[in-house]
Amino acid sequence: MTVRDHDLRIVAAAIAVSAIGDWIAMIALSLRANELWKGAGVAVLLICLWSPLAALAGHVGVLVDRLETRAVAVWSALFQAIIACALAFADTLPAIYALTILLGIGVAVSQASEFALVPLLAGSRDIARANGLVESMRSIGFLVGPLIAGAIAASAGTRLALLADAATFLVIGAVLLALPVRRLVEHVAGTTPRARDGIQLLFSERVLAIVLGFGAVTLVFMSASIPGDFAYVSQLGHKDLGIGIVLSVWAAGMLVASNTIPQRIPVAAIALVTLLAATLQGLAKFIAPFWTVFPFMVGWWFVGGLGHGLKNTGFRTLIHQRVEPDRHGRAFAAFNGLRNTAELAALAGGGILVTTLGARGTLWIAGGVSALAGLTGVALLSAAQARAGSS
C-alpha cells in the first residue's frame, strides 16, 4: 500500500463520518422545521439547503480551480462547523432557513473540493476504484446516519444532534489539514476560469453530454418517487419501521455496488454501464408495486440501491476521465448544480404524483419514466459509439 492509498482511506473514512453528520443534521432540522411549520416546513428547508448547490455552481467551481483546493476544503469544513453550531441554537424559522442556506453554500464548496482532490489521493488505484471507495463510504453514512440521527433526536433532542454534526465537520477538516497533497492550478494568461465553464465542459463532450443529460432526467423522476416510497410503505402496513428498513436496504445496495463493481468495468464501458445502472434503479421502483408484499419491495429496493451506487460512481469517474484535471472543480460543481436543480424540480412533482396517482401509480410512473430515459440514453450512446468506431 502506498502513502497515497493510505491517505485516500483516511479521507474516505472522514467522508463517511461527515455523511453521517449530514444525515444527523438533515433529520434534526427537518424535525424542527416540521414542528414550527407543519406541512411546508420541511420542503422549504430542503429548498434552502439545495438551492445554493444549484445557483452557485459556476462560482463554486471557479473558487475551487483558482485557489489551493485543500485549503478551500479545510476552510469550508470549519465554516460548516460554525453554521451547524449556530443552527443548534436557532429557534425561529427565518433564522433556521437563513443558516441552512449558508450551510448549503458550505456543502457546495466542500463537495467540489473533495472531488478535485480524489485523483491526487488515488495512489495505486485507478480512478474508478478510488471513486468507488469514496461512494461506498458515503453510502455508509446513508446506511447508519438516519438511525443515529433518530436515536439522538429521540433521546437528547435536535440541539445535541446538530452539535454532533458540527463535530463531524471538525473531524473532516482536521483530516484534510493533515494531508500532504496540494492542488493549485496554474492558468495560462487569458484562460482565467469563468463561472459558465462548468456546464460547457460537461455538455461540449458528446459522451458526457449523453450520460449526464439522460442521467439528469432519471434523477428528476427518481427524486419525485421518494414521496411514493413513504406512501407505499404505509399502504403495505409497515409505516415507520418499514421506511427505515427500505432506506437501509437501499443504502446497503449502494454500498455493495460502489465497493465491488466499478473496478471490474473496462474504461471504455463505464459510460454505458452508468446509464444501465440508472435504468436498473428506475426498474426496481417500477417492478416492486406489481406485487404488494413488503419483502418483495425490500428485495427490489436492494436492486435499486445497487443501480444507484454504481450510477453515482460512474458519474464521478466519467467526469474525472473526460475533463482535464485543472478543470475538475468547475466540472463537478456544475454536475452538482445540475443534480440539485433536478432534485429541486422534483420536490413539488413528487407530492403532486402521490396526490393524483397514489403510491403505486407514483412508483410506476416515476420508476418507469426513469428507466425509459436510461434506456434511451443507452441507445443514443451505443449509436454514437458505433458511428465513431466506423469513421
Foldseek 3Di string as FASTA:
>chain_A
DDPLQVLLLLLLLLLLLLLLLVLLLLVQQQVLQCVQPPPCSSLLLLCLQLVCLQPCLLVLLLVCLADKLLVQLLVLLLQLLVLLLVCLPDNDSVSNSVSSNSNSNSVLNNVLSVLLCQVVSQPPHDLLQSLLSNQLSSLSSLQCSNVVSVVCCVPPRSSVSSNSSSVSSVSSSVSSVPDPDIDHDDDDPPCRRGSPVQVCLQCVDPLSNLLLVLLLLLLLLVLLLVVLLQQLQVVLPNHPVLSSLLSNLLSVLLNVQSNPPRSVDDPVCLSLLLLVLQLLLLVLLQPQVVDSDSVSNSVSSSSNSNSVNSNSSSSSSCLVVRPDSSSSSSNVSNSSSSSSVSSSSSSVSSVVCCVPPNSNRSSNVSSVSSNVSSVVSSVVVVVVVVVVVVD
